N, C-alpha and C. Protein backbone atom coordinates (compact mmCIF):
# COMPACT_ATOMS: atom_id res chain seq x y z
N MET A 1 8.24 -9.12 -18.89
CA MET A 1 9.00 -10.37 -18.36
C MET A 1 10.37 -9.95 -17.86
N ASN A 2 10.78 -10.41 -16.69
CA ASN A 2 11.93 -9.95 -16.19
C ASN A 2 13.38 -10.72 -16.76
N THR A 3 14.28 -9.95 -17.30
CA THR A 3 15.48 -10.54 -17.77
C THR A 3 16.66 -10.19 -16.88
N LEU A 4 16.48 -9.42 -15.92
CA LEU A 4 17.61 -8.85 -15.02
C LEU A 4 17.49 -9.80 -13.68
N VAL A 5 18.80 -10.41 -13.40
CA VAL A 5 18.75 -11.25 -12.16
C VAL A 5 18.93 -10.49 -10.94
N ARG A 6 17.98 -10.23 -10.25
CA ARG A 6 18.07 -9.31 -8.98
C ARG A 6 18.15 -10.33 -7.79
N ILE A 7 17.77 -11.57 -7.89
CA ILE A 7 17.79 -12.55 -6.78
C ILE A 7 18.25 -13.81 -7.36
N ARG A 8 19.29 -14.54 -6.75
CA ARG A 8 19.68 -15.80 -7.33
C ARG A 8 18.93 -16.81 -6.53
N ARG A 9 18.72 -17.99 -7.33
CA ARG A 9 17.93 -19.17 -6.90
C ARG A 9 18.40 -19.63 -5.43
N GLU A 10 19.63 -19.73 -5.35
CA GLU A 10 20.30 -20.19 -4.11
C GLU A 10 19.94 -19.33 -2.86
N GLN A 11 19.69 -18.04 -3.20
CA GLN A 11 19.36 -16.96 -2.05
C GLN A 11 17.82 -17.28 -1.58
N LEU A 12 17.19 -18.00 -2.33
CA LEU A 12 15.68 -18.41 -1.96
C LEU A 12 15.57 -19.74 -1.41
N ARG A 13 16.63 -20.44 -1.24
CA ARG A 13 16.61 -21.81 -0.76
C ARG A 13 15.88 -22.04 0.46
N LEU A 14 16.27 -21.36 1.48
CA LEU A 14 15.52 -21.51 2.81
C LEU A 14 15.09 -20.24 3.15
N TYR A 15 13.69 -20.06 3.08
CA TYR A 15 12.97 -18.73 3.06
C TYR A 15 12.21 -18.63 4.38
N LEU A 16 12.55 -17.71 5.14
CA LEU A 16 11.74 -17.52 6.45
C LEU A 16 10.77 -16.47 6.29
N VAL A 17 9.59 -16.69 6.61
CA VAL A 17 8.68 -15.80 6.69
C VAL A 17 8.22 -15.49 8.14
N THR A 18 8.36 -14.38 8.63
CA THR A 18 8.14 -14.11 10.09
C THR A 18 6.66 -14.08 10.50
N ASP A 19 6.55 -14.42 11.75
CA ASP A 19 5.37 -14.14 12.45
C ASP A 19 5.56 -14.04 13.95
N SER A 20 5.63 -12.67 14.44
CA SER A 20 6.00 -12.53 15.71
C SER A 20 5.13 -13.10 16.78
N THR A 21 3.96 -13.33 16.43
CA THR A 21 2.83 -14.09 17.41
C THR A 21 3.39 -15.51 17.72
N LEU A 22 4.22 -16.10 16.88
CA LEU A 22 4.67 -17.61 17.00
C LEU A 22 6.08 -17.66 17.82
N CYS A 23 6.57 -16.47 18.13
CA CYS A 23 8.01 -16.53 18.70
C CYS A 23 8.15 -16.90 20.14
N ARG A 24 6.93 -17.16 20.73
CA ARG A 24 6.96 -17.67 22.09
C ARG A 24 7.61 -16.91 23.21
N GLY A 25 7.36 -15.51 23.07
CA GLY A 25 7.94 -14.69 24.02
C GLY A 25 9.30 -14.10 23.74
N ARG A 26 9.95 -14.69 22.75
CA ARG A 26 11.31 -14.20 22.28
C ARG A 26 11.12 -13.03 21.35
N THR A 27 12.03 -12.18 21.35
CA THR A 27 12.00 -11.09 20.29
C THR A 27 12.23 -11.75 18.85
N LEU A 28 11.45 -11.02 17.98
CA LEU A 28 11.64 -11.46 16.49
C LEU A 28 13.16 -11.35 16.11
N GLN A 29 13.68 -10.40 16.46
CA GLN A 29 15.23 -10.22 16.02
C GLN A 29 16.08 -11.39 16.47
N ASP A 30 15.77 -11.80 17.83
CA ASP A 30 16.56 -12.97 18.21
C ASP A 30 16.18 -14.32 17.45
N VAL A 31 14.98 -14.40 17.21
CA VAL A 31 14.48 -15.70 16.40
C VAL A 31 15.20 -15.60 15.06
N VAL A 32 15.02 -14.53 14.35
CA VAL A 32 15.57 -14.31 13.07
C VAL A 32 17.13 -14.62 13.08
N ALA A 33 17.89 -13.88 14.12
CA ALA A 33 19.42 -14.20 14.14
C ALA A 33 19.65 -15.72 14.34
N ALA A 34 18.90 -16.43 15.19
CA ALA A 34 19.16 -17.77 15.35
C ALA A 34 18.83 -18.62 14.10
N ALA A 35 17.89 -18.21 13.38
CA ALA A 35 17.44 -18.90 12.19
C ALA A 35 18.42 -18.74 11.08
N VAL A 36 19.13 -17.49 11.09
CA VAL A 36 20.28 -17.23 10.14
C VAL A 36 21.36 -18.00 10.43
N ARG A 37 21.67 -18.20 11.68
CA ARG A 37 22.88 -19.04 12.04
C ARG A 37 22.53 -20.51 11.76
N GLY A 38 21.36 -20.82 11.62
CA GLY A 38 21.08 -22.20 11.21
C GLY A 38 20.97 -22.51 9.65
N GLY A 39 20.97 -21.36 8.86
CA GLY A 39 21.17 -21.53 7.44
C GLY A 39 20.09 -20.92 6.60
N VAL A 40 19.26 -20.13 7.26
CA VAL A 40 18.13 -19.42 6.50
C VAL A 40 18.83 -18.44 5.47
N THR A 41 18.35 -18.43 4.19
CA THR A 41 19.05 -17.63 3.20
C THR A 41 18.26 -16.46 2.74
N CYS A 42 17.06 -16.21 3.24
CA CYS A 42 16.23 -15.03 2.98
C CYS A 42 15.21 -14.83 3.89
N VAL A 43 14.93 -13.74 4.33
CA VAL A 43 14.00 -13.32 5.39
C VAL A 43 12.88 -12.39 4.98
N GLN A 44 11.65 -12.81 5.00
CA GLN A 44 10.42 -11.93 4.54
C GLN A 44 9.82 -11.55 5.92
N LEU A 45 9.79 -10.14 6.11
CA LEU A 45 9.14 -9.56 7.31
C LEU A 45 7.68 -9.31 6.97
N ARG A 46 6.83 -10.10 7.72
CA ARG A 46 5.45 -9.98 7.41
C ARG A 46 4.66 -9.47 8.75
N GLU A 47 4.08 -8.40 8.68
CA GLU A 47 3.41 -7.74 9.86
C GLU A 47 2.00 -7.25 9.46
N LYS A 48 1.04 -7.94 9.64
CA LYS A 48 -0.38 -7.69 9.24
C LYS A 48 -0.99 -6.67 10.11
N GLU A 49 -0.63 -6.59 11.35
CA GLU A 49 -1.37 -5.79 12.40
C GLU A 49 -0.45 -4.67 12.97
N LEU A 50 0.71 -4.68 12.66
CA LEU A 50 1.52 -3.60 13.12
C LEU A 50 1.45 -2.26 12.51
N GLY A 51 1.42 -1.10 13.37
CA GLY A 51 1.34 0.05 12.66
C GLY A 51 2.65 0.53 11.99
N THR A 52 2.56 1.34 11.13
CA THR A 52 3.65 1.89 10.19
C THR A 52 5.03 2.27 10.90
N ARG A 53 4.85 2.98 12.03
CA ARG A 53 6.11 3.40 12.79
C ARG A 53 6.81 2.14 13.35
N GLU A 54 6.03 1.21 13.94
CA GLU A 54 6.65 -0.06 14.42
C GLU A 54 7.07 -0.90 13.44
N PHE A 55 6.35 -0.94 12.31
CA PHE A 55 6.88 -1.81 11.24
C PHE A 55 8.14 -1.37 10.67
N VAL A 56 8.28 0.01 10.44
CA VAL A 56 9.53 0.48 9.98
C VAL A 56 10.59 0.23 10.82
N ALA A 57 10.50 0.42 12.29
CA ALA A 57 11.51 0.20 13.25
C ALA A 57 11.95 -1.32 13.14
N ARG A 58 10.96 -2.13 13.02
CA ARG A 58 11.35 -3.64 13.03
C ARG A 58 12.16 -3.97 11.73
N ALA A 59 11.66 -3.24 10.59
CA ALA A 59 12.37 -3.55 9.42
C ALA A 59 13.86 -3.10 9.37
N LEU A 60 13.97 -1.84 9.95
CA LEU A 60 15.36 -1.31 9.98
C LEU A 60 16.19 -2.11 10.85
N ALA A 61 15.71 -2.73 11.99
CA ALA A 61 16.44 -3.58 12.88
C ALA A 61 16.92 -4.83 12.18
N LEU A 62 15.92 -5.37 11.40
CA LEU A 62 16.20 -6.63 10.57
C LEU A 62 17.32 -6.38 9.56
N LYS A 63 17.12 -5.26 8.89
CA LYS A 63 18.10 -4.83 7.82
C LYS A 63 19.42 -4.76 8.38
N SER A 64 19.62 -4.05 9.54
CA SER A 64 21.00 -3.99 10.22
C SER A 64 21.38 -5.31 10.55
N LEU A 65 20.62 -6.33 10.87
CA LEU A 65 21.12 -7.58 11.14
C LEU A 65 21.44 -8.38 9.91
N LEU A 66 20.83 -8.32 8.94
CA LEU A 66 20.86 -9.23 7.74
C LEU A 66 21.84 -8.62 6.75
N SER A 67 21.85 -7.27 6.51
CA SER A 67 22.75 -6.73 5.55
C SER A 67 24.18 -7.11 5.66
N PRO A 68 24.97 -7.16 6.83
CA PRO A 68 26.22 -7.46 6.81
C PRO A 68 26.52 -8.90 6.54
N LEU A 69 25.47 -9.76 6.56
CA LEU A 69 25.44 -11.27 6.28
C LEU A 69 25.09 -11.50 4.84
N HIS A 70 24.78 -10.45 4.08
CA HIS A 70 24.38 -10.61 2.70
C HIS A 70 23.16 -11.54 2.57
N ILE A 71 22.32 -11.42 3.47
CA ILE A 71 20.95 -12.10 3.31
C ILE A 71 19.95 -11.14 3.06
N PRO A 72 19.17 -11.35 1.93
CA PRO A 72 18.06 -10.50 1.61
C PRO A 72 16.91 -10.26 2.58
N LEU A 73 16.57 -9.05 2.73
CA LEU A 73 15.33 -8.73 3.53
C LEU A 73 14.19 -8.43 2.62
N VAL A 74 12.96 -9.06 2.66
CA VAL A 74 11.99 -8.86 1.94
C VAL A 74 10.76 -8.33 2.76
N ILE A 75 10.09 -7.38 2.31
CA ILE A 75 8.97 -6.86 3.03
C ILE A 75 7.71 -7.33 2.24
N ASN A 76 6.78 -7.79 3.18
CA ASN A 76 5.50 -8.30 2.72
C ASN A 76 4.56 -7.01 2.49
N ASP A 77 3.98 -6.90 1.33
CA ASP A 77 2.89 -6.01 0.90
C ASP A 77 3.27 -4.51 0.97
N ARG A 78 4.15 -3.99 2.02
CA ARG A 78 4.14 -2.64 2.22
C ARG A 78 5.26 -1.98 1.50
N ILE A 79 4.98 -1.37 0.34
CA ILE A 79 6.03 -0.73 -0.36
C ILE A 79 6.64 0.55 0.26
N ASP A 80 5.90 1.24 1.19
CA ASP A 80 6.39 2.35 1.81
C ASP A 80 7.48 1.78 2.83
N VAL A 81 7.13 0.79 3.47
CA VAL A 81 8.14 0.20 4.45
C VAL A 81 9.31 -0.23 3.75
N ALA A 82 9.20 -0.88 2.67
CA ALA A 82 10.37 -1.34 1.86
C ALA A 82 11.27 -0.14 1.51
N LEU A 83 10.76 0.85 1.00
CA LEU A 83 11.54 2.03 0.65
C LEU A 83 12.12 2.76 1.86
N ALA A 84 11.39 2.74 3.03
CA ALA A 84 12.02 3.34 4.21
C ALA A 84 13.25 2.50 4.76
N CYS A 85 13.27 1.28 4.53
CA CYS A 85 14.43 0.43 5.22
C CYS A 85 15.32 0.02 4.01
N GLN A 86 15.11 0.39 2.90
CA GLN A 86 15.90 -0.13 1.74
C GLN A 86 15.99 -1.47 1.63
N ALA A 87 14.76 -2.14 1.66
CA ALA A 87 14.79 -3.53 1.70
C ALA A 87 15.28 -4.10 0.19
N ASP A 88 15.68 -5.32 0.24
CA ASP A 88 16.23 -5.98 -0.97
C ASP A 88 15.11 -6.30 -1.89
N GLY A 89 13.98 -6.62 -1.32
CA GLY A 89 12.77 -7.22 -2.14
C GLY A 89 11.53 -6.88 -1.35
N VAL A 90 10.45 -7.10 -2.26
CA VAL A 90 9.09 -6.96 -1.68
C VAL A 90 8.43 -8.19 -2.16
N HIS A 91 7.34 -8.59 -1.43
CA HIS A 91 6.48 -9.74 -1.75
C HIS A 91 5.01 -9.18 -1.87
N LEU A 92 4.50 -9.58 -2.95
CA LEU A 92 3.06 -9.12 -3.17
C LEU A 92 2.01 -10.25 -3.20
N GLY A 93 0.93 -9.87 -2.88
CA GLY A 93 -0.21 -10.94 -2.98
C GLY A 93 -1.02 -10.50 -4.20
N GLN A 94 -2.02 -11.31 -4.52
CA GLN A 94 -2.93 -11.14 -5.68
C GLN A 94 -3.77 -9.82 -5.59
N SER A 95 -3.98 -9.34 -4.26
CA SER A 95 -4.81 -8.27 -4.10
C SER A 95 -3.95 -6.90 -3.75
N ASP A 96 -2.76 -7.02 -3.79
CA ASP A 96 -1.80 -5.89 -3.46
C ASP A 96 -1.73 -5.09 -4.69
N MET A 97 -0.92 -3.97 -4.48
CA MET A 97 -0.59 -3.10 -5.62
C MET A 97 -0.08 -3.74 -6.81
N PRO A 98 -0.55 -3.39 -8.14
CA PRO A 98 -0.12 -4.17 -9.26
C PRO A 98 1.40 -4.06 -9.42
N VAL A 99 1.95 -5.20 -10.00
CA VAL A 99 3.42 -5.35 -10.14
C VAL A 99 3.93 -4.20 -10.94
N ASP A 100 3.31 -3.70 -12.08
CA ASP A 100 3.88 -2.69 -12.91
C ASP A 100 3.99 -1.38 -12.20
N LEU A 101 3.05 -1.13 -11.40
CA LEU A 101 3.04 0.06 -10.61
C LEU A 101 4.26 -0.10 -9.49
N VAL A 102 4.39 -1.19 -8.86
CA VAL A 102 5.37 -1.36 -7.77
C VAL A 102 6.73 -1.19 -8.57
N ARG A 103 6.93 -1.68 -9.68
CA ARG A 103 8.20 -1.72 -10.34
C ARG A 103 8.62 -0.30 -10.61
N LYS A 104 7.69 0.72 -10.84
CA LYS A 104 7.93 2.08 -11.12
C LYS A 104 8.34 2.79 -9.98
N ILE A 105 7.91 2.37 -8.75
CA ILE A 105 8.23 2.94 -7.38
C ILE A 105 9.64 2.57 -6.89
N LEU A 106 9.91 1.28 -7.06
CA LEU A 106 11.11 0.67 -6.43
C LEU A 106 12.31 0.96 -7.26
N GLN A 107 13.56 0.94 -6.58
CA GLN A 107 14.78 1.06 -7.41
C GLN A 107 14.90 -0.08 -8.20
N PRO A 108 15.65 0.04 -9.37
CA PRO A 108 15.74 -1.16 -10.29
C PRO A 108 16.25 -2.43 -9.79
N GLU A 109 17.20 -2.35 -8.82
CA GLU A 109 17.77 -3.51 -8.16
C GLU A 109 16.88 -4.30 -7.17
N VAL A 110 15.71 -3.77 -6.82
CA VAL A 110 14.88 -4.37 -5.82
C VAL A 110 14.08 -5.50 -6.43
N PHE A 111 14.15 -6.59 -5.80
CA PHE A 111 13.47 -7.65 -6.51
C PHE A 111 11.92 -7.84 -6.01
N ILE A 112 11.05 -8.43 -6.88
CA ILE A 112 9.55 -8.59 -6.54
C ILE A 112 9.36 -9.97 -6.61
N GLY A 113 8.62 -10.49 -5.47
CA GLY A 113 8.03 -11.74 -5.50
C GLY A 113 6.58 -11.72 -5.45
N LEU A 114 5.79 -12.71 -6.17
CA LEU A 114 4.39 -12.56 -6.29
C LEU A 114 3.73 -13.96 -5.98
N SER A 115 2.90 -13.96 -4.98
CA SER A 115 2.07 -15.14 -4.70
C SER A 115 1.17 -15.58 -5.92
N VAL A 116 1.22 -16.85 -6.14
CA VAL A 116 0.17 -17.33 -7.17
C VAL A 116 -0.55 -18.48 -6.47
N GLU A 117 -1.81 -18.55 -6.83
CA GLU A 117 -2.74 -19.56 -6.16
C GLU A 117 -3.26 -20.46 -7.17
N ASN A 118 -3.21 -20.31 -8.47
CA ASN A 118 -3.70 -21.16 -9.39
C ASN A 118 -2.94 -20.93 -10.87
N ASP A 119 -3.31 -21.64 -11.75
CA ASP A 119 -2.63 -21.66 -13.06
C ASP A 119 -2.86 -20.38 -13.82
N GLN A 120 -4.00 -19.67 -13.68
CA GLN A 120 -4.29 -18.39 -14.22
C GLN A 120 -3.33 -17.37 -13.75
N ASP A 121 -3.18 -17.40 -12.40
CA ASP A 121 -2.10 -16.42 -11.70
C ASP A 121 -0.81 -16.64 -12.41
N ILE A 122 -0.28 -17.76 -12.55
CA ILE A 122 1.08 -18.04 -13.20
C ILE A 122 0.85 -17.60 -14.65
N ALA A 123 0.00 -17.85 -15.36
CA ALA A 123 -0.03 -17.39 -16.81
C ALA A 123 0.16 -15.89 -16.83
N GLN A 124 -0.73 -15.21 -16.00
CA GLN A 124 -0.53 -13.65 -16.08
C GLN A 124 0.81 -13.26 -15.50
N ALA A 125 1.38 -13.94 -14.52
CA ALA A 125 2.70 -13.46 -14.00
C ALA A 125 3.82 -13.71 -14.95
N ILE A 126 3.77 -14.47 -15.89
CA ILE A 126 4.82 -14.72 -16.81
C ILE A 126 5.14 -13.50 -17.60
N GLY A 127 4.15 -12.66 -17.98
CA GLY A 127 4.34 -11.33 -18.66
C GLY A 127 4.82 -10.13 -17.77
N MET A 128 4.87 -10.40 -16.37
CA MET A 128 5.21 -9.38 -15.53
C MET A 128 6.64 -9.30 -15.19
N ASP A 129 7.15 -8.24 -14.70
CA ASP A 129 8.41 -7.99 -14.14
C ASP A 129 8.69 -8.43 -12.80
N VAL A 130 8.42 -9.77 -12.66
CA VAL A 130 8.62 -10.33 -11.23
C VAL A 130 9.88 -11.19 -11.21
N ASP A 131 10.45 -11.41 -10.21
CA ASP A 131 11.72 -12.19 -9.91
C ASP A 131 11.47 -13.62 -9.44
N TYR A 132 10.41 -13.86 -8.72
CA TYR A 132 10.10 -15.27 -8.27
C TYR A 132 8.74 -15.35 -7.98
N LEU A 133 8.09 -16.52 -7.95
CA LEU A 133 6.77 -16.87 -7.64
C LEU A 133 6.66 -17.62 -6.37
N GLY A 134 5.76 -17.21 -5.51
CA GLY A 134 5.37 -17.99 -4.27
C GLY A 134 4.18 -18.90 -4.60
N ILE A 135 4.51 -20.26 -4.49
CA ILE A 135 3.50 -21.18 -4.84
C ILE A 135 2.58 -21.33 -3.48
N SER A 136 1.45 -20.89 -3.47
CA SER A 136 0.92 -20.75 -2.11
C SER A 136 -0.60 -21.04 -2.15
N PRO A 137 -1.11 -22.01 -1.14
CA PRO A 137 -0.24 -22.80 -0.42
C PRO A 137 -0.06 -24.20 -1.10
N VAL A 138 1.11 -24.85 -0.84
CA VAL A 138 1.29 -26.15 -1.35
C VAL A 138 0.30 -27.11 -0.60
N PHE A 139 0.30 -27.07 0.69
CA PHE A 139 -0.50 -27.94 1.49
C PHE A 139 -1.39 -26.98 2.32
N ALA A 140 -2.43 -27.43 2.84
CA ALA A 140 -3.35 -26.63 3.75
C ALA A 140 -2.64 -26.37 5.08
N THR A 141 -2.69 -25.15 5.58
CA THR A 141 -2.07 -24.75 6.78
C THR A 141 -2.80 -23.55 7.61
N PRO A 142 -2.68 -23.70 9.02
CA PRO A 142 -3.39 -22.56 9.49
C PRO A 142 -2.92 -21.24 9.57
N THR A 143 -1.56 -21.08 9.06
CA THR A 143 -0.96 -19.81 8.98
C THR A 143 -1.37 -19.21 7.66
N LYS A 144 -2.11 -19.80 6.71
CA LYS A 144 -2.56 -19.19 5.46
C LYS A 144 -3.94 -19.64 5.32
N THR A 145 -4.90 -18.79 5.68
CA THR A 145 -6.40 -19.16 5.62
C THR A 145 -7.07 -18.43 4.59
N ASP A 146 -6.49 -17.50 3.89
CA ASP A 146 -7.16 -16.65 2.98
C ASP A 146 -6.77 -17.06 1.51
N THR A 147 -6.44 -18.23 1.30
CA THR A 147 -6.02 -18.72 -0.02
C THR A 147 -6.99 -19.74 -0.52
N GLN A 148 -6.76 -20.03 -1.89
CA GLN A 148 -7.63 -20.97 -2.65
C GLN A 148 -7.13 -22.57 -2.28
N THR A 149 -7.59 -23.44 -3.02
CA THR A 149 -7.31 -24.77 -2.89
C THR A 149 -5.86 -25.09 -2.92
N PRO A 150 -5.24 -25.78 -2.01
CA PRO A 150 -3.81 -26.13 -2.02
C PRO A 150 -3.43 -26.62 -3.36
N TRP A 151 -2.08 -26.36 -3.76
CA TRP A 151 -1.49 -26.83 -4.98
C TRP A 151 -1.35 -28.30 -4.97
N GLY A 152 -0.76 -28.77 -3.80
CA GLY A 152 -0.36 -30.31 -3.80
C GLY A 152 0.88 -30.38 -4.57
N LEU A 153 1.51 -31.51 -4.42
CA LEU A 153 2.76 -31.93 -5.20
C LEU A 153 2.51 -31.80 -6.77
N ALA A 154 1.28 -32.46 -7.26
CA ALA A 154 1.15 -32.40 -8.59
C ALA A 154 0.89 -30.92 -9.11
N GLY A 155 0.32 -30.16 -8.45
CA GLY A 155 0.13 -28.70 -8.86
C GLY A 155 1.44 -28.10 -8.93
N LEU A 156 2.35 -28.33 -7.90
CA LEU A 156 3.63 -27.73 -7.92
C LEU A 156 4.41 -28.13 -9.24
N GLN A 157 4.19 -29.38 -9.49
CA GLN A 157 5.03 -29.82 -10.72
C GLN A 157 4.31 -29.23 -11.97
N ARG A 158 3.13 -29.04 -12.05
CA ARG A 158 2.48 -28.36 -13.11
C ARG A 158 2.96 -26.93 -13.28
N ALA A 159 3.11 -26.14 -12.01
CA ALA A 159 3.54 -24.86 -12.05
C ALA A 159 4.87 -24.84 -12.52
N ARG A 160 5.75 -25.83 -12.28
CA ARG A 160 7.12 -25.77 -12.58
C ARG A 160 7.26 -25.82 -14.15
N ALA A 161 6.33 -26.60 -14.75
CA ALA A 161 6.27 -26.78 -16.11
C ALA A 161 5.90 -25.55 -16.89
N MET A 162 5.24 -24.72 -16.18
CA MET A 162 4.59 -23.57 -16.82
C MET A 162 5.57 -22.27 -16.88
N THR A 163 6.66 -22.26 -16.14
CA THR A 163 7.47 -21.15 -16.04
C THR A 163 8.94 -21.45 -15.70
N ASP A 164 9.87 -20.77 -16.10
CA ASP A 164 11.24 -20.90 -15.70
C ASP A 164 11.63 -20.02 -14.44
N LEU A 165 10.62 -19.18 -14.08
CA LEU A 165 10.89 -18.31 -12.79
C LEU A 165 11.15 -19.08 -11.63
N PRO A 166 12.06 -18.59 -10.75
CA PRO A 166 12.33 -19.33 -9.46
C PRO A 166 10.87 -19.50 -8.79
N LEU A 167 10.63 -20.65 -8.13
CA LEU A 167 9.52 -20.91 -7.48
C LEU A 167 9.83 -21.15 -5.92
N VAL A 168 8.98 -20.45 -5.09
CA VAL A 168 9.24 -20.67 -3.74
C VAL A 168 8.00 -21.19 -3.09
N ALA A 169 8.01 -22.39 -2.55
CA ALA A 169 6.84 -23.16 -2.04
C ALA A 169 6.57 -22.76 -0.54
N ILE A 170 5.44 -22.49 -0.24
CA ILE A 170 4.93 -22.36 1.13
C ILE A 170 3.68 -22.94 1.57
N GLY A 171 3.47 -23.25 2.64
CA GLY A 171 2.28 -23.75 3.01
C GLY A 171 2.33 -25.22 3.60
N GLY A 172 2.38 -25.61 4.76
CA GLY A 172 2.23 -27.02 5.25
C GLY A 172 3.51 -27.65 5.03
N ILE A 173 4.61 -27.13 4.82
CA ILE A 173 5.81 -28.02 4.57
C ILE A 173 6.50 -28.13 5.73
N ASN A 174 6.98 -29.38 5.94
CA ASN A 174 7.66 -29.74 7.15
C ASN A 174 8.85 -30.79 6.90
N VAL A 175 9.48 -31.24 7.99
CA VAL A 175 10.62 -32.22 7.80
C VAL A 175 10.07 -33.45 7.05
N GLY A 176 8.86 -33.83 7.09
CA GLY A 176 8.23 -35.05 6.55
C GLY A 176 8.05 -35.01 4.94
N ASN A 177 7.93 -33.81 4.39
CA ASN A 177 7.55 -33.65 3.00
C ASN A 177 8.40 -32.65 2.36
N ALA A 178 9.53 -32.02 3.03
CA ALA A 178 10.24 -31.01 2.26
C ALA A 178 11.02 -31.47 1.10
N VAL A 179 11.65 -32.82 1.26
CA VAL A 179 12.31 -33.22 0.07
C VAL A 179 11.43 -33.53 -1.08
N GLN A 180 10.24 -34.00 -0.94
CA GLN A 180 9.27 -34.18 -2.01
C GLN A 180 9.00 -32.83 -2.69
N VAL A 181 8.77 -31.80 -1.80
CA VAL A 181 8.48 -30.52 -2.41
C VAL A 181 9.45 -30.01 -3.21
N SER A 182 10.83 -30.15 -2.79
CA SER A 182 11.96 -29.67 -3.45
C SER A 182 12.06 -30.45 -4.79
N ARG A 183 11.89 -31.81 -4.73
CA ARG A 183 11.97 -32.56 -6.07
C ARG A 183 10.81 -32.42 -6.97
N SER A 184 9.80 -31.74 -6.47
CA SER A 184 8.69 -31.57 -7.29
C SER A 184 8.76 -30.18 -8.12
N GLY A 185 9.82 -29.36 -7.96
CA GLY A 185 10.13 -28.20 -8.80
C GLY A 185 10.40 -26.99 -7.93
N ALA A 186 10.34 -27.07 -6.54
CA ALA A 186 10.48 -25.75 -5.81
C ALA A 186 11.99 -25.49 -5.72
N ASP A 187 12.34 -24.12 -6.15
CA ASP A 187 13.78 -23.74 -5.88
C ASP A 187 13.97 -23.27 -4.58
N GLY A 188 12.96 -22.91 -3.74
CA GLY A 188 13.16 -22.52 -2.42
C GLY A 188 11.91 -23.11 -1.60
N LEU A 189 12.12 -23.13 -0.29
CA LEU A 189 11.12 -23.72 0.64
C LEU A 189 10.95 -22.60 1.82
N ALA A 190 9.79 -22.19 1.79
CA ALA A 190 9.45 -21.12 2.89
C ALA A 190 8.70 -21.77 4.21
N PHE A 191 9.08 -21.20 5.29
CA PHE A 191 8.66 -21.76 6.45
C PHE A 191 8.28 -20.49 7.38
N VAL A 192 7.18 -20.79 8.15
CA VAL A 192 6.81 -19.75 9.22
C VAL A 192 6.91 -20.44 10.62
N SER A 193 5.94 -21.36 10.98
CA SER A 193 5.92 -21.74 12.41
C SER A 193 7.03 -22.74 12.58
N ALA A 194 7.49 -23.52 11.58
CA ALA A 194 8.43 -24.67 11.73
C ALA A 194 9.71 -23.88 12.35
N ILE A 195 10.01 -22.57 12.00
CA ILE A 195 11.21 -22.00 12.48
C ILE A 195 10.78 -21.01 13.68
N CYS A 196 9.75 -20.13 13.42
CA CYS A 196 9.42 -19.04 14.52
C CYS A 196 8.92 -19.77 15.73
N ALA A 197 8.34 -20.77 15.69
CA ALA A 197 7.81 -21.55 16.94
C ALA A 197 8.63 -22.58 17.47
N ALA A 198 9.82 -22.92 16.68
CA ALA A 198 10.64 -24.10 17.22
C ALA A 198 11.24 -23.86 18.56
N ASP A 199 11.46 -24.90 19.28
CA ASP A 199 12.23 -24.67 20.44
C ASP A 199 13.58 -24.11 20.26
N ASP A 200 14.31 -24.47 19.18
CA ASP A 200 15.56 -24.07 18.91
C ASP A 200 15.54 -23.55 17.41
N PRO A 201 15.24 -22.42 17.08
CA PRO A 201 15.13 -21.91 15.66
C PRO A 201 16.33 -22.20 14.90
N ALA A 202 17.54 -22.05 15.42
CA ALA A 202 18.80 -22.39 14.81
C ALA A 202 18.88 -23.91 14.30
N SER A 203 18.62 -24.78 15.17
CA SER A 203 18.53 -26.25 14.95
C SER A 203 17.49 -26.55 13.96
N ALA A 204 16.42 -25.88 14.04
CA ALA A 204 15.33 -26.22 13.08
C ALA A 204 15.72 -25.80 11.72
N ALA A 205 16.21 -24.75 11.68
CA ALA A 205 16.67 -24.11 10.29
C ALA A 205 17.70 -24.90 9.77
N ARG A 206 18.66 -25.46 10.62
CA ARG A 206 19.75 -26.30 10.08
C ARG A 206 19.31 -27.60 9.48
N GLU A 207 18.28 -28.14 10.08
CA GLU A 207 17.75 -29.47 9.61
C GLU A 207 17.00 -29.08 8.30
N LEU A 208 16.11 -28.04 8.36
CA LEU A 208 15.36 -27.74 7.07
C LEU A 208 16.36 -27.24 5.82
N ARG A 209 17.42 -26.72 6.29
CA ARG A 209 18.33 -26.29 5.03
C ARG A 209 18.75 -27.51 4.41
N LEU A 210 19.18 -28.54 5.17
CA LEU A 210 19.67 -29.74 4.66
C LEU A 210 18.63 -30.43 3.65
N LEU A 211 17.38 -30.34 4.07
CA LEU A 211 16.33 -30.90 3.27
C LEU A 211 16.11 -30.06 2.09
N ALA A 212 16.13 -28.77 2.21
CA ALA A 212 15.95 -27.84 1.14
C ALA A 212 16.95 -27.83 0.03
N THR A 213 18.05 -28.34 0.41
CA THR A 213 19.21 -28.44 -0.62
C THR A 213 19.37 -29.81 -1.15
N THR A 214 18.47 -30.74 -0.92
CA THR A 214 18.42 -32.06 -1.59
C THR A 214 18.24 -31.83 -3.08
N PRO A 215 19.24 -32.45 -3.90
CA PRO A 215 19.25 -32.15 -5.30
C PRO A 215 17.92 -32.49 -5.93
N ASN A 216 17.40 -31.75 -6.88
CA ASN A 216 16.12 -32.21 -7.67
C ASN A 216 16.79 -32.68 -9.05
N PRO A 217 16.56 -33.94 -9.20
CA PRO A 217 17.12 -34.51 -10.46
C PRO A 217 16.53 -33.87 -11.80
N ASN A 218 15.34 -33.24 -11.67
CA ASN A 218 14.64 -32.60 -12.84
C ASN A 218 15.06 -31.04 -13.11
N GLN A 219 15.89 -30.51 -12.21
CA GLN A 219 16.20 -29.17 -12.17
C GLN A 219 17.72 -29.01 -12.41
N PRO A 220 18.10 -27.96 -13.23
CA PRO A 220 19.54 -27.60 -13.33
C PRO A 220 20.11 -26.97 -12.09
N LEU A 221 21.34 -27.09 -11.71
CA LEU A 221 21.77 -26.42 -10.59
C LEU A 221 21.81 -24.88 -10.74
N PRO A 222 21.54 -24.04 -9.75
CA PRO A 222 21.60 -22.66 -9.89
C PRO A 222 22.78 -21.98 -10.28
């Protein structure tokens, strides 16, 4: 169980998960830069199809963009890419390299996020050296098709009761339900298409940031 604070809850507040296929002809770097101007507090680079060389190049470009702004860069799945670009964190799924092995490879200050899809996943994660949990998916969404039954708000509340670890909610979250998700126990809200595919990513991020920071009466301030 992790006792070292490598990532603060407020840094997870508005969490962008990238998808270059949704950027509508714009470069990913331009979309991320706009999203950061709008208030994104953490960026996860997710590239399922990109080759290693291109993935590393994209990661280094985003690291150069985000590091001066003190915004964490998270690499999805690929520990080698995270090492190559000196990422601030990595995010793992249930079928990725085990957390204990990843922790041995990474520098001590690099944080680890882990996707959890059911109560058993959370129970197992409590004993791991992870820094936050990704509650995935909260609602059904076309960008996450390889997951189990959605948690829903009741499931998110149950997850909150099971652990004190920071929780980042992802999947089907939008302007209409973001406040409810925050008040159900999420420390951070993660978005993909709502920002990457937006007409104006900066404006979209600005609106979502306001919703993501709505106080949760059941949670202490970070």
